[in-house]
Structures are given as C-alpha cells and as structure tokens.
Amino acid sequence: MPMEAERRTAPSRIFVVGCPRSGTTVVQATLARLRGVFTVPETHYFTLLLRGLNEWLRNDRAAAAIWRRHMLFVNGRTHRKLCEALAPLAGGKGLPRRLRGRSYIDAFVARMDAAAAARGCTAWVEKTPHHFAYVDVIARHVPDARFVHVVRNCEDVVASIIDGQLRYAGQRAFLGGIAEWSECWNRAVETHLRHAGRPGHLVLRYEDLQREPQQAVERLARFAGVAVAPASAQDRPDIATEPWQRESVMAPLRQPQRKFEELFGPMLQRWLRANLHDYDVVSAELAQLQGQAAPADAAANTRFDLSRSA
C-alpha cells in the first residue's frame, strides 16, 4: 500500500509513557473508556527488543550501542519473548523469525493496527511506563506515533513506589532502591520536557487529571483523534494485570493519600528534595512549553535546566 494511503487509513498510534506510579494506568483506562479506542495490557515490547534500560537511566552512553546492536540482530531468546508479548493479539500465533529489529517493530505496528481495525477502532493505545526511554526510537520507526507523557509530583511518585514495594513484596514489585527510582523520575521528567510542545506529544500532569477530569478527557480525546463519547461496557478491555493496576483502575479518581512524610524520615526527605528536580519548576516549564497558563501550584517565571540530560 502506498505510504500516503497507509497514513490515511491507519489508526492513531498512541503510546502512554512516564515514570512508574505516575498515573499511566489511569490515563490508559481513561482513553480506553472512549469509543473507538483499542488498548492492551503492558507489552514491554521495546524494553524487550532493545534492552539497555538501566544504562539509559544512568545516562550511560553504552545504551545507544546496545540499542544499535539489537536493532541489527535479534537473537532467539529475544524473539521468543517478543512472540509472548504479542501472542494475545493474534490468538497465540507467533511472529515470523527475522534478524533485524526494524522487522519486529513493523510486526508490532501491524498487529496493533489489525487488532484495532478488527474491533472497528480508529485509535490504539500501548502503555508501558518505561517506554519513555525509547520515545525517540519509537518515533523514528513507528509512522505518526503519538505520545502521552504522564508526570506526577516527584515526592508522591517515590513514596508510592516504596509503598508498593512493601505492600506487594510477594510479587517482587518495583524492585530497586530509592536512589535508583529517584533517577528514574528525573530521567522521565527530562524526557517529558524535551518533547513538550512538539507535534505528536502531549504532557499531562496527573494532578490536572484529578482536579479537572473532564478537561483532561477532552484533551486526550482530541489528541487521539476520537470523539468524547463513552465506549460500551463490553468494549472496554481489561488492562489491569497486576494488583496495583487493578487498584488504580477500579478505585474512583480522587486525591491520593500523602505518603511521603509517613514513609521517610527528615534526613531522607532532605536527600530526596535535594536530588529530585523541583516539581514546581518542572510544572511551570511544561505549561510554558505547551502554551498553557502556569498551574496554580507551580512556581512562576522559572526555567528548567536540561544540561545534565543526554
């Protein structure tokens, strides 16, 4: 099919990304409730295909070399994992064995497009939080990819992650230390800021989704290219595969309980506030980049320094 015809007929291809525990599941569920939107549980597809996530989070230049290597050659183990990730989209049918990573990206897009078309949907949504590390790769290889970046107050995110470690220890959820997760949030925010205001990118604060849910739904619908109309109950997919995701989806949207002061003592609070990017500054910069009024809880006339980002 000619490329121009493919662009006219293809569904909107939307990726929801952000640091874990930032509200990506809530945003995905919000989109899934709109008529004409198809979505699936987290696939981790690009994390499985390209790897190098930990290196990228450490701002290690080795990450780029790892990605290039896996784009050039996909080994048998990675092939099997990618087949497992996409099996639900094709009734358990595997992927053709290929050598190049680009072929597996094309297969991913084709499967998602076909699944959306089979359900009469004009948009599909993939939500894997850590795919924020691969935004540039996805944008390069997925035609007309769109990204919803979800950002949430850094103190609430880190506290929610540690709370999740304690509550879901049996599932070995959210493995990693406080310093690692703090750097993860910082790197996610640097990514959001780098793309805010660009075509194909929408950065949504979780706090705004809570305070003005209808306005947030309208922004998401416009971005996805669908009407603000609810999907029927039978058309809403089950996207919550983990207990913490079910908790996010099933509970009514409300102001979450503040956990930062309960979990962390004064010394750790000071360390976190010294090592996490200032969220008021981030919020003000996001508003400026996206041509919005600065949030009431954000500092005015501030500029975020991206000099430490890759």
Protein backbone atom coordinates (compact mmCIF):
# COMPACT_ATOMS: atom_id res chain seq x y z
CA MET A 1 0.00 0.00 0.00
CA PRO A 2 1.44 3.44 -0.82
CA MET A 3 2.63 5.37 2.20
CA GLU A 4 0.14 8.23 1.79
CA ALA A 5 -2.78 5.79 1.61
CA GLU A 6 -1.45 3.96 4.69
CA ARG A 7 -1.36 7.23 6.61
CA ARG A 8 -4.97 7.98 5.70
CA THR A 9 -6.26 4.57 6.76
CA ALA A 10 -4.06 3.70 9.74
CA PRO A 11 -5.45 4.23 13.23
CA SER A 12 -3.93 6.76 15.61
CA ARG A 13 -0.93 5.07 17.26
CA ILE A 14 -0.60 6.27 20.83
CA PHE A 15 1.99 5.40 23.47
CA VAL A 16 1.38 6.32 27.12
CA VAL A 17 4.69 6.73 28.95
CA GLY A 18 6.03 8.02 32.24
CA CYS A 19 7.83 7.02 35.40
CA PRO A 20 6.01 4.09 37.07
CA ARG A 21 3.42 5.18 39.66
CA SER A 22 2.85 8.48 37.85
CA GLY A 23 -0.71 7.63 36.75
CA THR A 24 -0.08 6.00 33.37
CA THR A 25 -2.60 3.23 34.12
CA VAL A 26 -5.28 5.81 34.96
CA VAL A 27 -4.59 7.67 31.71
CA GLN A 28 -4.72 4.44 29.71
CA ALA A 29 -8.02 3.50 31.38
CA THR A 30 -9.39 6.97 30.64
CA LEU A 31 -8.56 6.56 26.95
CA ALA A 32 -9.94 3.01 26.92
CA ARG A 33 -13.33 4.33 28.05
CA LEU A 34 -13.64 6.39 24.88
CA ARG A 35 -15.43 4.94 21.87
CA GLY A 36 -13.11 3.90 19.07
CA VAL A 37 -10.03 3.25 21.21
CA PHE A 38 -8.36 -0.16 21.38
CA THR A 39 -5.76 -0.96 24.02
CA VAL A 40 -3.92 -3.87 25.62
CA PRO A 41 -2.12 -4.58 28.91
CA GLU A 42 1.52 -3.50 29.13
CA THR A 43 3.62 -5.23 26.47
CA HIS A 44 7.13 -4.04 27.48
CA TYR A 45 7.81 -4.59 23.78
CA PHE A 46 10.56 -2.04 23.20
CA THR A 47 12.20 -2.81 26.54
CA LEU A 48 12.37 -6.47 25.50
CA LEU A 49 13.53 -5.68 21.97
CA LEU A 50 16.19 -3.04 22.62
CA ARG A 51 17.16 -3.58 26.28
CA GLY A 52 19.75 -1.19 27.72
CA LEU A 53 17.16 0.43 30.01
CA ASN A 54 19.36 0.51 33.12
CA GLU A 55 22.24 2.01 31.15
CA TRP A 56 19.95 4.68 29.71
CA LEU A 57 18.56 5.54 33.15
CA ARG A 58 22.14 6.01 34.37
CA ASN A 59 22.77 8.33 31.42
CA ASP A 60 25.39 5.86 30.21
CA ARG A 61 26.35 6.28 26.55
CA ALA A 62 26.57 2.48 26.31
CA ALA A 63 22.77 2.42 25.99
CA ALA A 64 22.90 3.72 22.41
CA ALA A 65 25.36 0.99 21.41
CA ILE A 66 23.16 -1.67 23.00
CA TRP A 67 20.13 -0.41 21.07
CA ARG A 68 22.02 -0.35 17.79
CA ARG A 69 23.22 -3.92 18.36
CA HIS A 70 19.72 -5.20 18.99
CA MET A 71 18.32 -3.33 16.01
CA LEU A 72 20.89 -5.08 13.83
CA PHE A 73 20.36 -8.58 15.22
CA VAL A 74 17.53 -10.13 17.25
CA ASN A 75 18.58 -13.36 18.92
CA GLY A 76 16.38 -16.39 19.54
CA ARG A 77 15.69 -15.59 23.19
CA THR A 78 14.51 -12.07 22.36
CA HIS A 79 12.40 -13.45 19.51
CA ARG A 80 10.60 -15.81 21.92
CA LYS A 81 9.92 -13.01 24.41
CA LEU A 82 8.52 -10.76 21.69
CA CYS A 83 6.28 -13.58 20.48
CA GLU A 84 4.94 -13.98 24.02
CA ALA A 85 4.35 -10.23 24.30
CA LEU A 86 2.24 -10.12 21.13
CA ALA A 87 0.59 -13.54 21.34
CA PRO A 88 -2.67 -12.17 22.82
CA LEU A 89 -3.12 -10.02 19.70
CA ALA A 90 -3.12 -12.99 17.35
CA GLY A 91 -4.71 -15.83 19.30
CA GLY A 92 -1.35 -17.22 20.35
CA LYS A 93 0.14 -17.06 16.87
CA GLY A 94 3.86 -16.29 16.94
CA LEU A 95 5.91 -13.84 14.93
CA PRO A 96 7.88 -14.78 11.81
CA ARG A 97 11.56 -15.20 12.68
CA ARG A 98 13.55 -12.19 11.49
CA LEU A 99 17.06 -10.88 12.11
CA ARG A 100 16.59 -7.11 12.23
CA GLY A 101 14.87 -5.16 14.98
CA ARG A 102 13.05 -2.98 12.44
CA SER A 103 11.15 -6.05 11.22
CA TYR A 104 9.90 -6.70 14.76
CA ILE A 105 8.78 -3.10 15.15
CA ASP A 106 6.88 -3.35 11.87
CA ALA A 107 5.28 -6.58 13.12
CA PHE A 108 4.23 -4.86 16.35
CA VAL A 109 2.59 -1.99 14.45
CA ALA A 110 0.87 -4.37 12.04
CA ARG A 111 -0.56 -6.47 14.89
CA MET A 112 -1.85 -3.44 16.76
CA ASP A 113 -3.31 -1.89 13.61
CA ALA A 114 -5.05 -5.14 12.68
CA ALA A 115 -6.44 -5.65 16.19
CA ALA A 116 -7.83 -2.10 16.25
CA ALA A 117 -9.36 -2.47 12.78
CA ALA A 118 -10.98 -5.80 13.68
CA ARG A 119 -12.80 -4.04 16.52
CA GLY A 120 -13.80 -1.04 14.43
CA CYS A 121 -11.46 1.26 16.36
CA THR A 122 -9.74 4.33 14.93
CA ALA A 123 -7.02 4.55 17.58
CA TRP A 124 -4.91 2.17 19.62
CA VAL A 125 -3.04 2.74 22.85
CA GLU A 126 0.04 0.94 24.20
CA LYS A 127 1.01 1.76 27.76
CA THR A 128 4.35 0.63 29.14
CA PRO A 129 5.71 3.30 31.51
CA HIS A 130 9.40 2.66 30.83
CA HIS A 131 8.90 3.14 27.12
CA PHE A 132 9.68 6.80 27.87
CA ALA A 133 13.31 5.76 27.43
CA TYR A 134 12.60 4.71 23.83
CA VAL A 135 10.46 7.63 22.67
CA ASP A 136 12.95 8.75 20.02
CA VAL A 137 13.39 5.21 18.67
CA ILE A 138 9.64 4.64 18.54
CA ALA A 139 9.06 7.99 16.83
CA ARG A 140 11.70 7.12 14.23
CA HIS A 141 10.29 3.70 13.35
CA VAL A 142 6.52 3.92 14.02
CA PRO A 143 4.85 6.19 11.45
CA ASP A 144 2.80 9.00 13.02
CA ALA A 145 3.38 7.73 16.57
CA ARG A 146 1.87 9.94 19.27
CA PHE A 147 2.96 10.07 22.90
CA VAL A 148 1.06 10.93 26.06
CA HIS A 149 3.66 11.71 28.73
CA VAL A 150 2.28 11.44 32.25
CA VAL A 151 4.08 13.31 35.02
CA ARG A 152 3.30 13.39 38.73
CA ASN A 153 4.78 15.08 41.79
CA CYS A 154 8.18 13.51 42.43
CA GLU A 155 7.69 13.07 46.18
CA ASP A 156 4.39 11.26 45.65
CA VAL A 157 5.89 9.00 42.95
CA VAL A 158 8.88 7.85 45.00
CA ALA A 159 6.73 7.35 48.10
CA SER A 160 4.18 5.37 46.08
CA ILE A 161 6.92 3.14 44.67
CA ILE A 162 8.37 2.34 48.09
CA ASP A 163 4.86 1.78 49.46
CA GLY A 164 4.28 -0.62 46.55
CA GLN A 165 7.48 -2.49 47.37
CA LEU A 166 6.21 -3.07 50.91
CA ARG A 167 2.60 -3.90 50.02
CA TYR A 168 3.41 -6.20 47.10
CA ALA A 169 6.65 -7.75 48.29
CA GLY A 170 5.34 -11.20 47.37
CA GLN A 171 5.09 -10.15 43.72
CA ARG A 172 8.58 -8.58 43.83
CA ALA A 173 7.10 -5.35 42.58
CA PHE A 174 9.04 -2.14 41.92
CA LEU A 175 12.46 -3.61 42.61
CA GLY A 176 15.25 -1.08 43.14
CA GLY A 177 16.44 1.41 45.71
CA ILE A 178 15.32 4.95 46.44
CA ALA A 179 18.31 6.45 44.63
CA GLU A 180 17.56 4.39 41.50
CA TRP A 181 13.88 5.34 41.44
CA SER A 182 14.72 8.99 42.04
CA GLU A 183 16.98 8.96 38.99
CA CYS A 184 14.24 7.20 37.03
CA TRP A 185 11.82 10.04 37.82
CA ASN A 186 14.43 12.65 36.93
CA ARG A 187 15.17 10.99 33.59
CA ALA A 188 11.46 10.68 32.82
CA VAL A 189 10.90 14.37 33.51
CA GLU A 190 13.87 15.35 31.36
CA THR A 191 12.30 13.33 28.53
CA HIS A 192 8.88 14.94 29.02
CA LEU A 193 10.37 18.42 28.97
CA ARG A 194 12.43 17.71 25.89
CA HIS A 195 9.30 16.78 23.92
CA ALA A 196 6.69 19.08 25.47
CA GLY A 197 5.10 21.34 22.88
CA ARG A 198 6.30 19.27 19.92
CA PRO A 199 3.81 17.82 17.43
CA GLY A 200 2.73 14.33 18.42
CA HIS A 201 3.47 14.84 22.12
CA LEU A 202 1.08 15.68 24.97
CA VAL A 203 2.39 16.05 28.52
CA LEU A 204 -0.33 15.61 31.13
CA ARG A 205 0.11 16.25 34.83
CA TYR A 206 -1.61 13.66 36.99
CA GLU A 207 -2.78 16.44 39.31
CA ASP A 208 -4.64 18.10 36.44
CA LEU A 209 -6.39 14.83 35.61
CA GLN A 210 -7.59 14.70 39.22
CA ARG A 211 -8.66 18.33 39.50
CA GLU A 212 -10.21 18.82 36.07
CA PRO A 213 -11.01 15.34 34.77
CA GLN A 214 -13.45 16.45 32.06
CA GLN A 215 -10.97 18.93 30.59
CA ALA A 216 -8.25 16.25 30.67
CA VAL A 217 -10.54 13.76 28.91
CA GLU A 218 -11.28 16.31 26.19
CA ARG A 219 -7.56 16.97 25.68
CA LEU A 220 -6.85 13.24 25.45
CA ALA A 221 -9.71 12.67 23.01
CA ARG A 222 -8.57 15.50 20.72
CA PHE A 223 -5.03 14.19 20.83
CA ALA A 224 -6.18 10.64 20.00
CA GLY A 225 -8.46 11.88 17.22
CA VAL A 226 -11.62 10.37 18.72
CA ALA A 227 -14.89 11.80 19.97
CA VAL A 228 -15.63 12.41 23.63
CA ALA A 229 -18.10 9.54 23.72
CA PRO A 230 -18.07 6.57 26.11
CA ALA A 231 -17.39 3.08 24.83
CA SER A 232 -19.89 0.37 25.67
CA ALA A 233 -19.10 -1.72 28.72
CA GLN A 234 -18.35 -4.84 26.64
CA ASP A 235 -15.86 -2.90 24.50
CA ARG A 236 -13.75 -1.81 27.48
CA PRO A 237 -10.71 -4.09 27.75
CA ASP A 238 -9.25 -5.48 30.96
CA ILE A 239 -5.90 -3.71 31.13
CA ALA A 240 -5.11 -4.32 34.80
CA THR A 241 -2.96 -7.43 35.04
CA GLU A 242 -1.32 -6.60 38.38
CA PRO A 243 -2.99 -5.89 41.75
CA TRP A 244 -1.64 -2.34 41.95
CA GLN A 245 -3.04 -1.66 38.46
CA ARG A 246 -6.47 -3.00 39.44
CA GLU A 247 -6.37 -0.71 42.44
CA SER A 248 -5.70 2.28 40.18
CA VAL A 249 -8.41 1.39 37.66
CA MET A 250 -11.19 0.25 39.98
CA ALA A 251 -10.95 2.97 42.61
CA PRO A 252 -12.67 6.30 41.91
CA LEU A 253 -10.30 9.08 40.86
CA ARG A 254 -9.55 11.06 43.98
CA GLN A 255 -6.74 12.85 45.75
CA PRO A 256 -4.39 10.04 46.85
CA GLN A 257 -3.24 9.75 50.43
CA ARG A 258 0.01 11.60 51.08
CA LYS A 259 2.70 9.01 51.93
CA PHE A 260 5.95 10.95 51.69
CA GLU A 261 6.10 12.15 55.30
CA GLU A 262 4.81 8.83 56.66
CA LEU A 263 7.41 6.67 54.92
CA PHE A 264 10.51 8.87 55.02
CA GLY A 265 12.25 10.49 57.97
CA PRO A 266 13.69 14.04 57.95
CA MET A 267 17.15 13.04 56.68
CA LEU A 268 15.78 11.05 53.74
CA GLN A 269 13.25 13.76 52.94
CA ARG A 270 16.10 16.29 52.70
CA TRP A 271 18.11 13.96 50.45
CA LEU A 272 15.17 13.40 48.12
CA ARG A 273 14.35 17.08 47.86
CA ALA A 274 17.99 17.85 47.10
CA ASN A 275 18.30 15.17 44.42
CA LEU A 276 14.93 15.28 42.65
CA HIS A 277 14.18 18.00 40.13
CA ASP A 278 11.98 20.74 41.59
CA TYR A 279 8.43 19.84 40.60
CA ASP A 280 7.12 23.40 40.75
CA VAL A 281 9.81 24.46 38.30
CA VAL A 282 9.03 21.46 36.08
CA SER A 283 5.30 22.27 36.09
CA ALA A 284 5.89 25.89 35.17
CA GLU A 285 8.21 24.94 32.33
CA LEU A 286 5.75 22.35 30.99
CA ALA A 287 2.99 24.94 30.95
CA GLN A 288 5.21 27.40 29.08
CA LEU A 289 6.31 24.81 26.50
CA GLN A 290 2.73 23.71 25.84
CA GLY A 291 1.32 27.23 25.68
CA GLN A 292 -0.80 26.90 28.81
CA ALA A 293 -1.34 29.05 31.86
CA ALA A 294 1.04 28.07 34.63
CA PRO A 295 -0.58 25.74 37.19
CA ALA A 296 -1.61 27.41 40.42
CA ASP A 297 0.75 25.17 42.38
CA ALA A 298 3.76 25.87 40.13
CA ALA A 299 6.46 28.47 40.54
CA ALA A 300 6.28 31.37 38.10
CA ASN A 301 8.99 32.67 35.78
CA THR A 302 11.31 29.71 36.24
CA ARG A 303 13.42 27.83 33.74
CA PHE A 304 14.33 24.16 33.95
CA ASP A 305 17.98 23.27 33.29
CA LEU A 306 18.37 20.32 30.91
CA SER A 307 22.15 20.49 30.91
CA ARG A 308 22.51 17.23 32.86
CA SER A 309 20.36 15.24 30.42
CA ALA A 310 21.70 13.25 27.48
